[in-house]
Amino acid sequence: MIINLTDSASEQIKEMKKDESDQSHLRFGIKGGGCSGLSYSLGFDEDINEELDVVQNINGISVVFFNQDIPIIEGTTIDYKENLMGGGFSIDNPNAIVSCGCGSSFRTKDKVGTPGDC
């Protein structure tokens, strides 16, 4: 598998998907930006490009990855945690060498990116 979804993250994603169309998939990837250079992208998407995307079934969830993002996100674990202030997803990427304080921006050894604002 490209990434790992914890049981908690899987349950939360399945609950959130109830509000989406039956054709939607979870899309996880990266985009340029953020104070460390790269940011994570996580959301639902109905569009799959068979030439550019890879689709995997992870814990019963159809997850789509942009093929070029795989070397940067491979081995990542996505978790979901509840606390007194609410809940949220946490992302543990073994390829990230620097992360910003907000936790949504990172840099890798090979894909430095252009740092910006958080």
PDB file of N, CA and C in Angstrom:
ATOM      1  N   MET A   1       0.827  -1.188   0.000  1.00  0.00           N
ATOM      2  CA  MET A   1       0.000   0.000   0.000  1.00  0.00           C
ATOM      3  C   MET A   1       0.874   1.255   0.000  1.00  0.00           C
ATOM      4  N   ILE A   2       0.372   2.269  -0.625  1.00  0.00           N
ATOM      5  CA  ILE A   2       1.110   3.526  -0.706  1.00  0.00           C
ATOM      6  C   ILE A   2       1.098   4.236   0.643  1.00  0.00           C
ATOM      7  N   ILE A   3      -0.092   4.311   1.263  1.00  0.00           N
ATOM      8  CA  ILE A   3      -0.226   4.941   2.583  1.00  0.00           C
ATOM      9  C   ILE A   3      -0.969   4.006   3.511  1.00  0.00           C
ATOM     10  N   ASN A   4      -0.982   4.361   4.792  1.00  0.00           N
ATOM     11  CA  ASN A   4      -1.729   3.611   5.787  1.00  0.00           C
ATOM     12  C   ASN A   4      -2.793   4.521   6.379  1.00  0.00           C
ATOM     13  N   LEU A   5      -4.010   4.031   6.486  1.00  0.00           N
ATOM     14  CA  LEU A   5      -5.078   4.724   7.189  1.00  0.00           C
ATOM     15  C   LEU A   5      -5.337   3.965   8.481  1.00  0.00           C
ATOM     16  N   THR A   6      -5.245   4.643   9.617  1.00  0.00           N
ATOM     17  CA  THR A   6      -5.551   3.973  10.878  1.00  0.00           C
ATOM     18  C   THR A   6      -7.047   3.657  10.911  1.00  0.00           C
ATOM     19  N   ASP A   7      -7.444   2.800  11.835  1.00  0.00           N
ATOM     20  CA  ASP A   7      -8.861   2.468  11.977  1.00  0.00           C
ATOM     21  C   ASP A   7      -9.678   3.719  12.263  1.00  0.00           C
ATOM     22  N   SER A   8      -9.153   4.582  13.112  1.00  0.00           N
ATOM     23  CA  SER A   8      -9.855   5.819  13.461  1.00  0.00           C
ATOM     24  C   SER A   8     -10.039   6.716  12.236  1.00  0.00           C
ATOM     25  N   ALA A   9      -8.999   6.867  11.432  1.00  0.00           N
ATOM     26  CA  ALA A   9      -9.094   7.673  10.214  1.00  0.00           C
ATOM     27  C   ALA A   9     -10.068   7.039   9.228  1.00  0.00           C
ATOM     28  N   SER A  10     -10.012   5.734   9.085  1.00  0.00           N
ATOM     29  CA  SER A  10     -10.911   5.038   8.159  1.00  0.00           C
ATOM     30  C   SER A  10     -12.366   5.235   8.554  1.00  0.00           C
ATOM     31  N   GLU A  11     -12.657   5.105   9.838  1.00  0.00           N
ATOM     32  CA  GLU A  11     -14.031   5.292  10.320  1.00  0.00           C
ATOM     33  C   GLU A  11     -14.510   6.716  10.042  1.00  0.00           C
ATOM     34  N   GLN A  12     -13.662   7.703  10.298  1.00  0.00           N
ATOM     35  CA  GLN A  12     -14.043   9.095  10.077  1.00  0.00           C
ATOM     36  C   GLN A  12     -14.258   9.380   8.591  1.00  0.00           C
ATOM     37  N   ILE A  13     -13.395   8.856   7.738  1.00  0.00           N
ATOM     38  CA  ILE A  13     -13.522   9.063   6.296  1.00  0.00           C
ATOM     39  C   ILE A  13     -14.812   8.424   5.791  1.00  0.00           C
ATOM     40  N   LYS A  14     -15.128   7.215   6.249  1.00  0.00           N
ATOM     41  CA  LYS A  14     -16.366   6.551   5.837  1.00  0.00           C
ATOM     42  C   LYS A  14     -17.581   7.349   6.281  1.00  0.00           C
ATOM     43  N   GLU A  15     -17.524   7.921   7.467  1.00  0.00           N
ATOM     44  CA  GLU A  15     -18.624   8.751   7.964  1.00  0.00           C
ATOM     45  C   GLU A  15     -18.766  10.007   7.097  1.00  0.00           C
ATOM     46  N   MET A  16     -17.654  10.649   6.767  1.00  0.00           N
ATOM     47  CA  MET A  16     -17.684  11.854   5.941  1.00  0.00           C
ATOM     48  C   MET A  16     -18.153  11.556   4.516  1.00  0.00           C
ATOM     49  N   LYS A  17     -17.812  10.376   4.013  1.00  0.00           N
ATOM     50  CA  LYS A  17     -18.170  10.009   2.643  1.00  0.00           C
ATOM     51  C   LYS A  17     -19.679   9.849   2.483  1.00  0.00           C
ATOM     52  N   LYS A  18     -20.398   9.648   3.553  1.00  0.00           N
ATOM     53  CA  LYS A  18     -21.853   9.529   3.471  1.00  0.00           C
ATOM     54  C   LYS A  18     -22.486  10.780   2.882  1.00  0.00           C
ATOM     55  N   ASP A  19     -21.816  11.911   3.005  1.00  0.00           N
ATOM     56  CA  ASP A  19     -22.313  13.177   2.457  1.00  0.00           C
ATOM     57  C   ASP A  19     -21.858  13.416   1.023  1.00  0.00           C
ATOM     58  N   GLU A  20     -21.112  12.479   0.456  1.00  0.00           N
ATOM     59  CA  GLU A  20     -20.578  12.612  -0.899  1.00  0.00           C
ATOM     60  C   GLU A  20     -21.315  11.684  -1.855  1.00  0.00           C
ATOM     61  N   SER A  21     -21.098  11.858  -3.147  1.00  0.00           N
ATOM     62  CA  SER A  21     -21.727  10.987  -4.143  1.00  0.00           C
ATOM     63  C   SER A  21     -21.100   9.594  -4.096  1.00  0.00           C
ATOM     64  N   ASP A  22     -21.815   8.643  -4.640  1.00  0.00           N
ATOM     65  CA  ASP A  22     -21.319   7.268  -4.666  1.00  0.00           C
ATOM     66  C   ASP A  22     -20.069   7.127  -5.532  1.00  0.00           C
ATOM     67  N   GLN A  23     -19.863   8.057  -6.461  1.00  0.00           N
ATOM     68  CA  GLN A  23     -18.709   7.998  -7.361  1.00  0.00           C
ATOM     69  C   GLN A  23     -17.470   8.677  -6.779  1.00  0.00           C
ATOM     70  N   SER A  24     -17.583   9.232  -5.602  1.00  0.00           N
ATOM     71  CA  SER A  24     -16.436   9.966  -5.054  1.00  0.00           C
ATOM     72  C   SER A  24     -15.415   9.024  -4.435  1.00  0.00           C
ATOM     73  N   HIS A  25     -14.176   9.437  -4.520  1.00  0.00           N
ATOM     74  CA  HIS A  25     -13.033   8.721  -3.967  1.00  0.00           C
ATOM     75  C   HIS A  25     -12.295   9.691  -3.048  1.00  0.00           C
ATOM     76  N   LEU A  26     -11.569   9.158  -2.097  1.00  0.00           N
ATOM     77  CA  LEU A  26     -10.699  10.002  -1.287  1.00  0.00           C
ATOM     78  C   LEU A  26      -9.441  10.276  -2.103  1.00  0.00           C
ATOM     79  N   ARG A  27      -9.076  11.543  -2.243  1.00  0.00           N
ATOM     80  CA  ARG A  27      -7.851  11.889  -2.959  1.00  0.00           C
ATOM     81  C   ARG A  27      -6.866  12.470  -1.956  1.00  0.00           C
ATOM     82  N   PHE A  28      -5.664  11.867  -1.928  1.00  0.00           N
ATOM     83  CA  PHE A  28      -4.604  12.340  -1.050  1.00  0.00           C
ATOM     84  C   PHE A  28      -3.380  12.641  -1.883  1.00  0.00           C
ATOM     85  N   GLY A  29      -2.783  13.802  -1.640  1.00  0.00           N
ATOM     86  CA  GLY A  29      -1.591  14.172  -2.391  1.00  0.00           C
ATOM     87  C   GLY A  29      -0.934  15.390  -1.789  1.00  0.00           C
ATOM     88  N   ILE A  30      -0.151  16.050  -2.613  1.00  0.00           N
ATOM     89  CA  ILE A  30       0.576  17.238  -2.173  1.00  0.00           C
ATOM     90  C   ILE A  30       0.367  18.362  -3.169  1.00  0.00           C
ATOM     91  N   LYS A  31       0.631  19.557  -2.712  1.00  0.00           N
ATOM     92  CA  LYS A  31       0.627  20.720  -3.584  1.00  0.00           C
ATOM     93  C   LYS A  31       1.717  21.656  -3.093  1.00  0.00           C
ATOM     94  N   GLY A  32       2.197  22.488  -3.961  1.00  0.00           N
ATOM     95  CA  GLY A  32       3.211  23.457  -3.581  1.00  0.00           C
ATOM     96  C   GLY A  32       2.625  24.535  -2.694  1.00  0.00           C
ATOM     97  N   GLY A  33       3.433  25.016  -1.765  1.00  0.00           N
ATOM     98  CA  GLY A  33       2.994  26.105  -0.896  1.00  0.00           C
ATOM     99  C   GLY A  33       3.128  25.757   0.568  1.00  0.00           C
ATOM    100  N   GLY A  34       2.778  26.706   1.405  1.00  0.00           N
ATOM    101  CA  GLY A  34       2.924  26.516   2.841  1.00  0.00           C
ATOM    102  C   GLY A  34       4.288  27.011   3.277  1.00  0.00           C
ATOM    103  N   CYS A  35       4.449  27.187   4.563  1.00  0.00           N
ATOM    104  CA  CYS A  35       5.685  27.792   5.065  1.00  0.00           C
ATOM    105  C   CYS A  35       6.905  26.887   4.912  1.00  0.00           C
ATOM    106  N   SER A  36       6.709  25.580   4.721  1.00  0.00           N
ATOM    107  CA  SER A  36       7.862  24.700   4.527  1.00  0.00           C
ATOM    108  C   SER A  36       8.063  24.287   3.082  1.00  0.00           C
ATOM    109  N   GLY A  37       7.141  24.624   2.196  1.00  0.00           N
ATOM    110  CA  GLY A  37       7.345  24.354   0.782  1.00  0.00           C
ATOM    111  C   GLY A  37       6.309  23.464   0.133  1.00  0.00           C
ATOM    112  N   LEU A  38       5.791  22.468   0.846  1.00  0.00           N
ATOM    113  CA  LEU A  38       4.771  21.574   0.316  1.00  0.00           C
ATOM    114  C   LEU A  38       3.646  21.464   1.331  1.00  0.00           C
ATOM    115  N   SER A  39       2.423  21.257   0.841  1.00  0.00           N
ATOM    116  CA  SER A  39       1.272  21.074   1.711  1.00  0.00           C
ATOM    117  C   SER A  39       0.528  19.822   1.287  1.00  0.00           C
ATOM    118  N   TYR A  40      -0.172  19.219   2.229  1.00  0.00           N
ATOM    119  CA  TYR A  40      -0.987  18.044   1.927  1.00  0.00           C
ATOM    120  C   TYR A  40      -2.333  18.472   1.363  1.00  0.00           C
ATOM    121  N   SER A  41      -2.871  17.631   0.518  1.00  0.00           N
ATOM    122  CA  SER A  41      -4.199  17.819  -0.034  1.00  0.00           C
ATOM    123  C   SER A  41      -4.999  16.559   0.273  1.00  0.00           C
ATOM    124  N   LEU A  42      -6.138  16.713   0.938  1.00  0.00           N
ATOM    125  CA  LEU A  42      -6.968  15.574   1.326  1.00  0.00           C
ATOM    126  C   LEU A  42      -8.426  15.971   1.133  1.00  0.00           C
ATOM    127  N   GLY A  43      -9.136  15.243   0.294  1.00  0.00           N
ATOM    128  CA  GLY A  43     -10.532  15.559   0.048  1.00  0.00           C
ATOM    129  C   GLY A  43     -11.159  14.519  -0.862  1.00  0.00           C
ATOM    130  N   PHE A  44     -12.428  14.721  -1.164  1.00  0.00           N
ATOM    131  CA  PHE A  44     -13.136  13.789  -2.034  1.00  0.00           C
ATOM    132  C   PHE A  44     -13.131  14.301  -3.458  1.00  0.00           C
ATOM    133  N   ASP A  45     -13.056  13.364  -4.413  1.00  0.00           N
ATOM    134  CA  ASP A  45     -12.960  13.710  -5.829  1.00  0.00           C
ATOM    135  C   ASP A  45     -13.673  12.628  -6.632  1.00  0.00           C
ATOM    136  N   GLU A  46     -14.435  13.039  -7.625  1.00  0.00           N
ATOM    137  CA  GLU A  46     -15.110  12.077  -8.500  1.00  0.00           C
ATOM    138  C   GLU A  46     -14.301  11.778  -9.753  1.00  0.00           C
ATOM    139  N   ASP A  47     -13.336  12.625 -10.062  1.00  0.00           N
ATOM    140  CA  ASP A  47     -12.576  12.494 -11.310  1.00  0.00           C
ATOM    141  C   ASP A  47     -11.316  11.665 -11.115  1.00  0.00           C
ATOM    142  N   ILE A  48     -11.139  10.699 -12.010  1.00  0.00           N
ATOM    143  CA  ILE A  48      -9.919   9.893 -12.027  1.00  0.00           C
ATOM    144  C   ILE A  48      -9.351   9.942 -13.440  1.00  0.00           C
ATOM    145  N   ASN A  49      -8.076  10.262 -13.544  1.00  0.00           N
ATOM    146  CA  ASN A  49      -7.383  10.261 -14.819  1.00  0.00           C
ATOM    147  C   ASN A  49      -6.569   8.973 -14.871  1.00  0.00           C
ATOM    148  N   GLU A  50      -6.969   8.049 -15.708  1.00  0.00           N
ATOM    149  CA  GLU A  50      -6.334   6.736 -15.743  1.00  0.00           C
ATOM    150  C   GLU A  50      -4.852   6.792 -16.116  1.00  0.00           C
ATOM    151  N   GLU A  51      -4.426   7.866 -16.769  1.00  0.00           N
ATOM    152  CA  GLU A  51      -3.022   8.003 -17.152  1.00  0.00           C
ATOM    153  C   GLU A  51      -2.176   8.603 -16.037  1.00  0.00           C
ATOM    154  N   LEU A  52      -2.780   9.407 -15.181  1.00  0.00           N
ATOM    155  CA  LEU A  52      -2.019  10.147 -14.171  1.00  0.00           C
ATOM    156  C   LEU A  52      -2.269   9.688 -12.737  1.00  0.00           C
ATOM    157  N   ASP A  53      -3.359   8.977 -12.493  1.00  0.00           N
ATOM    158  CA  ASP A  53      -3.735   8.605 -11.130  1.00  0.00           C
ATOM    159  C   ASP A  53      -3.548   7.123 -10.857  1.00  0.00           C
ATOM    160  N   VAL A  54      -3.344   6.817  -9.589  1.00  0.00           N
ATOM    161  CA  VAL A  54      -3.293   5.444  -9.093  1.00  0.00           C
ATOM    162  C   VAL A  54      -4.409   5.326  -8.061  1.00  0.00           C
ATOM    163  N   VAL A  55      -5.191   4.253  -8.143  1.00  0.00           N
ATOM    164  CA  VAL A  55      -6.297   4.036  -7.212  1.00  0.00           C
ATOM    165  C   VAL A  55      -6.005   2.775  -6.415  1.00  0.00           C
ATOM    166  N   GLN A  56      -6.146   2.874  -5.093  1.00  0.00           N
ATOM    167  CA  GLN A  56      -5.997   1.707  -4.222  1.00  0.00           C
ATOM    168  C   GLN A  56      -7.165   1.640  -3.263  1.00  0.00           C
ATOM    169  N   ASN A  57      -7.538   0.424  -2.897  1.00  0.00           N
ATOM    170  CA  ASN A  57      -8.558   0.221  -1.879  1.00  0.00           C
ATOM    171  C   ASN A  57      -7.827   0.016  -0.564  1.00  0.00           C
ATOM    172  N   ILE A  58      -8.048   0.932   0.379  1.00  0.00           N
ATOM    173  CA  ILE A  58      -7.386   0.863   1.678  1.00  0.00           C
ATOM    174  C   ILE A  58      -8.465   0.843   2.750  1.00  0.00           C
ATOM    175  N   ASN A  59      -8.559  -0.239   3.482  1.00  0.00           N
ATOM    176  CA  ASN A  59      -9.570  -0.393   4.540  1.00  0.00           C
ATOM    177  C   ASN A  59     -10.984  -0.146   4.017  1.00  0.00           C
ATOM    178  N   GLY A  60     -11.265  -0.584   2.799  1.00  0.00           N
ATOM    179  CA  GLY A  60     -12.591  -0.423   2.222  1.00  0.00           C
ATOM    180  C   GLY A  60     -12.853   0.957   1.653  1.00  0.00           C
ATOM    181  N   ILE A  61     -11.825   1.774   1.521  1.00  0.00           N
ATOM    182  CA  ILE A  61     -11.956   3.128   0.998  1.00  0.00           C
ATOM    183  C   ILE A  61     -11.160   3.230  -0.303  1.00  0.00           C
ATOM    184  N   SER A  62     -11.805   3.727  -1.346  1.00  0.00           N
ATOM    185  CA  SER A  62     -11.121   3.948  -2.611  1.00  0.00           C
ATOM    186  C   SER A  62     -10.311   5.238  -2.489  1.00  0.00           C
ATOM    187  N   VAL A  63      -8.975   5.100  -2.566  1.00  0.00           N
ATOM    188  CA  VAL A  63      -8.081   6.243  -2.393  1.00  0.00           C
ATOM    189  C   VAL A  63      -7.334   6.482  -3.706  1.00  0.00           C
ATOM    190  N   VAL A  64      -7.326   7.749  -4.152  1.00  0.00           N
ATOM    191  CA  VAL A  64      -6.697   8.132  -5.407  1.00  0.00           C
ATOM    192  C   VAL A  64      -5.447   8.956  -5.110  1.00  0.00           C
ATOM    193  N   PHE A  65      -4.384   8.666  -5.853  1.00  0.00           N
ATOM    194  CA  PHE A  65      -3.113   9.377  -5.724  1.00  0.00           C
ATOM    195  C   PHE A  65      -2.680   9.840  -7.099  1.00  0.00           C
ATOM    196  N   PHE A  66      -2.177  11.063  -7.184  1.00  0.00           N
ATOM    197  CA  PHE A  66      -1.541  11.523  -8.409  1.00  0.00           C
ATOM    198  C   PHE A  66      -0.204  10.794  -8.485  1.00  0.00           C
ATOM    199  N   ASN A  67       0.049  10.124  -9.576  1.00  0.00           N
ATOM    200  CA  ASN A  67       1.219   9.261  -9.732  1.00  0.00           C
ATOM    201  C   ASN A  67       2.526   9.939  -9.313  1.00  0.00           C
ATOM    202  N   GLN A  68       2.693  11.229  -9.647  1.00  0.00           N
ATOM    203  CA  GLN A  68       3.944  11.928  -9.327  1.00  0.00           C
ATOM    204  C   GLN A  68       4.109  12.193  -7.833  1.00  0.00           C
ATOM    205  N   ASP A  69       3.016  12.150  -7.056  1.00  0.00           N
ATOM    206  CA  ASP A  69       3.095  12.397  -5.611  1.00  0.00           C
ATOM    207  C   ASP A  69       3.571  11.176  -4.832  1.00  0.00           C
ATOM    208  N   ILE A  70       3.468  10.001  -5.417  1.00  0.00           N
ATOM    209  CA  ILE A  70       3.727   8.757  -4.681  1.00  0.00           C
ATOM    210  C   ILE A  70       5.106   8.713  -4.022  1.00  0.00           C
ATOM    211  N   PRO A  71       6.200   9.081  -4.695  1.00  0.00           N
ATOM    212  CA  PRO A  71       7.499   9.018  -4.004  1.00  0.00           C
ATOM    213  C   PRO A  71       7.575   9.915  -2.768  1.00  0.00           C
ATOM    214  N   ILE A  72       6.789  10.966  -2.743  1.00  0.00           N
ATOM    215  CA  ILE A  72       6.833  11.910  -1.622  1.00  0.00           C
ATOM    216  C   ILE A  72       5.944  11.462  -0.466  1.00  0.00           C
ATOM    217  N   ILE A  73       4.833  10.775  -0.773  1.00  0.00           N
ATOM    218  CA  ILE A  73       3.886  10.396   0.282  1.00  0.00           C
ATOM    219  C   ILE A  73       3.944   8.929   0.667  1.00  0.00           C
ATOM    220  N   GLU A  74       4.721   8.139  -0.055  1.00  0.00           N
ATOM    221  CA  GLU A  74       4.768   6.697   0.229  1.00  0.00           C
ATOM    222  C   GLU A  74       5.198   6.435   1.667  1.00  0.00           C
ATOM    223  N   GLY A  75       4.447   5.562   2.342  1.00  0.00           N
ATOM    224  CA  GLY A  75       4.748   5.221   3.726  1.00  0.00           C
ATOM    225  C   GLY A  75       4.058   6.109   4.745  1.00  0.00           C
ATOM    226  N   THR A  76       3.302   7.097   4.283  1.00  0.00           N
ATOM    227  CA  THR A  76       2.606   8.030   5.172  1.00  0.00           C
ATOM    228  C   THR A  76       1.466   7.327   5.910  1.00  0.00           C
ATOM    229  N   THR A  77       1.275   7.700   7.162  1.00  0.00           N
ATOM    230  CA  THR A  77       0.143   7.221   7.958  1.00  0.00           C
ATOM    231  C   THR A  77      -0.771   8.393   8.254  1.00  0.00           C
ATOM    232  N   ILE A  78      -2.053   8.206   7.961  1.00  0.00           N
ATOM    233  CA  ILE A  78      -3.062   9.209   8.282  1.00  0.00           C
ATOM    234  C   ILE A  78      -3.890   8.677   9.449  1.00  0.00           C
ATOM    235  N   ASP A  79      -4.003   9.498  10.489  1.00  0.00           N
ATOM    236  CA  ASP A  79      -4.755   9.137  11.687  1.00  0.00           C
ATOM    237  C   ASP A  79      -5.812  10.203  11.937  1.00  0.00           C
ATOM    238  N   TYR A  80      -6.794   9.879  12.736  1.00  0.00           N
ATOM    239  CA  TYR A  80      -7.800  10.851  13.152  1.00  0.00           C
ATOM    240  C   TYR A  80      -7.889  10.806  14.667  1.00  0.00           C
ATOM    241  N   LYS A  81      -7.814  11.972  15.286  1.00  0.00           N
ATOM    242  CA  LYS A  81      -7.819  12.041  16.750  1.00  0.00           C
ATOM    243  C   LYS A  81      -8.871  13.038  17.218  1.00  0.00           C
ATOM    244  N   GLU A  82      -9.569  12.670  18.280  1.00  0.00           N
ATOM    245  CA  GLU A  82     -10.543  13.540  18.934  1.00  0.00           C
ATOM    246  C   GLU A  82      -9.910  14.096  20.201  1.00  0.00           C
ATOM    247  N   ASN A  83     -10.211  15.370  20.500  1.00  0.00           N
ATOM    248  CA  ASN A  83      -9.784  15.954  21.766  1.00  0.00           C
ATOM    249  C   ASN A  83     -10.849  16.947  22.220  1.00  0.00           C
ATOM    250  N   LEU A  84     -10.603  17.661  23.280  1.00  0.00           N
ATOM    251  CA  LEU A  84     -11.589  18.586  23.816  1.00  0.00           C
ATOM    252  C   LEU A  84     -11.943  19.710  22.849  1.00  0.00           C
ATOM    253  N   MET A  85     -11.041  20.027  21.956  1.00  0.00           N
ATOM    254  CA  MET A  85     -11.265  21.110  20.994  1.00  0.00           C
ATOM    255  C   MET A  85     -11.900  20.608  19.694  1.00  0.00           C
ATOM    256  N   GLY A  86     -12.185  19.335  19.602  1.00  0.00           N
ATOM    257  CA  GLY A  86     -12.759  18.753  18.391  1.00  0.00           C
ATOM    258  C   GLY A  86     -11.886  17.634  17.891  1.00  0.00           C
ATOM    259  N   GLY A  87     -11.929  17.383  16.603  1.00  0.00           N
ATOM    260  CA  GLY A  87     -11.131  16.310  16.028  1.00  0.00           C
ATOM    261  C   GLY A  87     -10.430  16.777  14.784  1.00  0.00           C
ATOM    262  N   GLY A  88      -9.484  15.982  14.359  1.00  0.00           N
ATOM    263  CA  GLY A  88      -8.765  16.322  13.142  1.00  0.00           C
ATOM    264  C   GLY A  88      -7.852  15.205  12.689  1.00  0.00           C
ATOM    265  N   PHE A  89      -7.474  15.274  11.436  1.00  0.00           N
ATOM    266  CA  PHE A  89      -6.557  14.296  10.861  1.00  0.00           C
ATOM    267  C   PHE A  89      -5.122  14.713  11.159  1.00  0.00           C
ATOM    268  N   SER A  90      -4.288  13.733  11.436  1.00  0.00           N
ATOM    269  CA  SER A  90      -2.853  13.978  11.565  1.00  0.00           C
ATOM    270  C   SER A  90      -2.153  13.124  10.517  1.00  0.00           C
ATOM    271  N   ILE A  91      -1.074  13.663   9.971  1.00  0.00           N
ATOM    272  CA  ILE A  91      -0.352  13.006   8.892  1.00  0.00           C
ATOM    273  C   ILE A  91       1.095  12.817   9.320  1.00  0.00           C
ATOM    274  N   ASP A  92       1.533  11.569   9.307  1.00  0.00           N
ATOM    275  CA  ASP A  92       2.909  11.228   9.658  1.00  0.00           C
ATOM    276  C   ASP A  92       3.598  10.713   8.396  1.00  0.00           C
ATOM    277  N   ASN A  93       4.438  11.566   7.814  1.00  0.00           N
ATOM    278  CA  ASN A  93       5.113  11.243   6.567  1.00  0.00           C
ATOM    279  C   ASN A  93       6.591  10.995   6.849  1.00  0.00           C
ATOM    280  N   PRO A  94       7.066   9.747   6.669  1.00  0.00           N
ATOM    281  CA  PRO A  94       8.475   9.456   6.934  1.00  0.00           C
ATOM    282  C   PRO A  94       9.431  10.137   5.955  1.00  0.00           C
ATOM    283  N   ASN A  95       8.913  10.673   4.857  1.00  0.00           N
ATOM    284  CA  ASN A  95       9.743  11.350   3.866  1.00  0.00           C
ATOM    285  C   ASN A  95       9.944  12.826   4.180  1.00  0.00           C
ATOM    286  N   ALA A  96       9.184  13.356   5.135  1.00  0.00           N
ATOM    287  CA  ALA A  96       9.296  14.765   5.493  1.00  0.00           C
ATOM    288  C   ALA A  96      10.484  14.956   6.423  1.00  0.00           C
ATOM    289  N   ILE A  97      11.373  15.884   6.069  1.00  0.00           N
ATOM    290  CA  ILE A  97      12.524  16.157   6.929  1.00  0.00           C
ATOM    291  C   ILE A  97      12.320  17.418   7.759  1.00  0.00           C
ATOM    292  N   VAL A  98      11.384  18.282   7.314  1.00  0.00           N
ATOM    293  CA  VAL A  98      11.065  19.516   8.031  1.00  0.00           C
ATOM    294  C   VAL A  98       9.552  19.693   7.969  1.00  0.00           C
ATOM    295  N   SER A  99       8.949  20.001   9.104  1.00  0.00           N
ATOM    296  CA  SER A  99       7.529  20.341   9.148  1.00  0.00           C
ATOM    297  C   SER A  99       7.383  21.662   9.864  1.00  0.00           C
ATOM    298  N   CYS A 100       6.357  22.416   9.483  1.00  0.00           N
ATOM    299  CA  CYS A 100       6.141  23.693  10.148  1.00  0.00           C
ATOM    300  C   CYS A 100       5.307  23.493  11.414  1.00  0.00           C
ATOM    301  N   GLY A 101       5.187  24.530  12.189  1.00  0.00           N
ATOM    302  CA  GLY A 101       4.454  24.462  13.443  1.00  0.00           C
ATOM    303  C   GLY A 101       2.981  24.161  13.269  1.00  0.00           C
ATOM    304  N   CYS A 102       2.391  24.572  12.139  1.00  0.00           N
ATOM    305  CA  CYS A 102       0.965  24.333  11.932  1.00  0.00           C
ATOM    306  C   CYS A 102       0.686  22.878  11.561  1.00  0.00           C
ATOM    307  N   GLY A 103       1.714  22.114  11.173  1.00  0.00           N
ATOM    308  CA  GLY A 103       1.559  20.702  10.885  1.00  0.00           C
ATOM    309  C   GLY A 103       1.010  20.366   9.520  1.00  0.00           C
ATOM    310  N   SER A 104       0.705  21.356   8.701  1.00  0.00           N
ATOM    311  CA  SER A 104       0.148  21.053   7.385  1.00  0.00           C
ATOM    312  C   SER A 104       1.126  21.318   6.252  1.00  0.00           C
ATOM    313  N   SER A 105       2.319  21.748   6.578  1.00  0.00           N
ATOM    314  CA  SER A 105       3.313  22.065   5.571  1.00  0.00           C
ATOM    315  C   SER A 105       4.597  21.310   5.897  1.00  0.00           C
ATOM    316  N   PHE A 106       5.302  20.871   4.855  1.00  0.00           N
ATOM    317  CA  PHE A 106       6.503  20.069   5.067  1.00  0.00           C
ATOM    318  C   PHE A 106       7.469  20.230   3.913  1.00  0.00           C
ATOM    319  N   ARG A 107       8.650  19.669   4.092  1.00  0.00           N
ATOM    320  CA  ARG A 107       9.681  19.655   3.061  1.00  0.00           C
ATOM    321  C   ARG A 107      10.340  18.288   3.091  1.00  0.00           C
ATOM    322  N   THR A 108      10.746  17.800   1.922  1.00  0.00           N
ATOM    323  CA  THR A 108      11.472  16.535   1.835  1.00  0.00           C
ATOM    324  C   THR A 108      12.890  16.805   1.364  1.00  0.00           C
ATOM    325  N   LYS A 109      13.720  15.803   1.496  1.00  0.00           N
ATOM    326  CA  LYS A 109      15.118  15.934   1.076  1.00  0.00           C
ATOM    327  C   LYS A 109      15.214  16.259  -0.414  1.00  0.00           C
ATOM    328  N   ASP A 110      14.404  15.581  -1.234  1.00  0.00           N
ATOM    329  CA  ASP A 110      14.505  15.742  -2.679  1.00  0.00           C
ATOM    330  C   ASP A 110      13.565  16.790  -3.250  1.00  0.00           C
ATOM    331  N   LYS A 111      12.459  17.050  -2.581  1.00  0.00           N
ATOM    332  CA  LYS A 111      11.437  17.978  -3.089  1.00  0.00           C
ATOM    333  C   LYS A 111      11.310  19.138  -2.119  1.00  0.00           C
ATOM    334  N   VAL A 112      12.224  20.046  -2.186  1.00  0.00           N
ATOM    335  CA  VAL A 112      12.276  21.130  -1.214  1.00  0.00           C
ATOM    336  C   VAL A 112      11.069  22.048  -1.328  1.00  0.00           C
ATOM    337  N   GLY A 113      10.616  22.396  -2.528  1.00  0.00           N
ATOM    338  CA  GLY A 113       9.498  23.317  -2.679  1.00  0.00           C
ATOM    339  C   GLY A 113       9.921  24.742  -2.420  1.00  0.00           C
ATOM    340  N   THR A 114       8.986  25.647  -2.516  1.00  0.00           N
ATOM    341  CA  THR A 114       9.236  27.060  -2.260  1.00  0.00           C
ATOM    342  C   THR A 114       8.457  27.480  -1.037  1.00  0.00           C
ATOM    343  N   PRO A 115       9.130  27.733   0.075  1.00  0.00           N
ATOM    344  CA  PRO A 115       8.411  28.124   1.290  1.00  0.00           C
ATOM    345  C   PRO A 115       7.594  29.386   1.089  1.00  0.00           C
ATOM    346  N   GLY A 116       6.438  29.405   1.742  1.00  0.00           N
ATOM    347  CA  GLY A 116       5.542  30.560   1.692  1.00  0.00           C
ATOM    348  C   GLY A 116       4.909  30.761   3.056  1.00  0.00           C
ATOM    349  N   ASP A 117       3.720  31.283   3.088  1.00  0.00           N
ATOM    350  CA  ASP A 117       3.015  31.525   4.338  1.00  0.00           C
ATOM    351  C   ASP A 117       2.178  30.330   4.733  1.00  0.00           C
ATOM    352  N   CYS A 118       2.050  30.117   6.040  1.00  0.00           N
ATOM    353  CA  CYS A 118       1.161  29.080   6.555  1.00  0.00           C
ATOM    354  C   CYS A 118      -0.250  29.594   6.570  1.00  0.00           C
TER     355      CYS A 118
END
